[in-house]
Amino acid sequence: MSIFQIIGWVGSISYLASYFLLSTDRLKSNSITYQFMNVLGGICLVISAYESNDNPNLFTNLIWMLIGLAMIFVILKKRRKKKNKL
């Protein structure tokens, strides 16, 4: 198994674990942990897809990763606003 396949498996496991934890109410969609797991999965699967020249997969996971990053910034911004109000 190549390093790129291992990276791809890490990404897949990260996606599946985050979805399982969300579906079983162990994580919330607005948690940093959930979004981080999606970003990690996206990064890993982008790397794996790039190496294998799988452009549709690369595109989908790149967008997924960017959505996760955007949500992390939104969550952090809301936390800062809430903290400043106190």
Foldseek 3Di string as FASTA:
>chain_A
DDPLVVLQVQLVVLVVVLVVCCVVVVDPPLDLSSLVSLLSSLVSQLSSCVVVVVVVSNVVSVVSNVVSVVSNVVSVVVVVVVVVVD
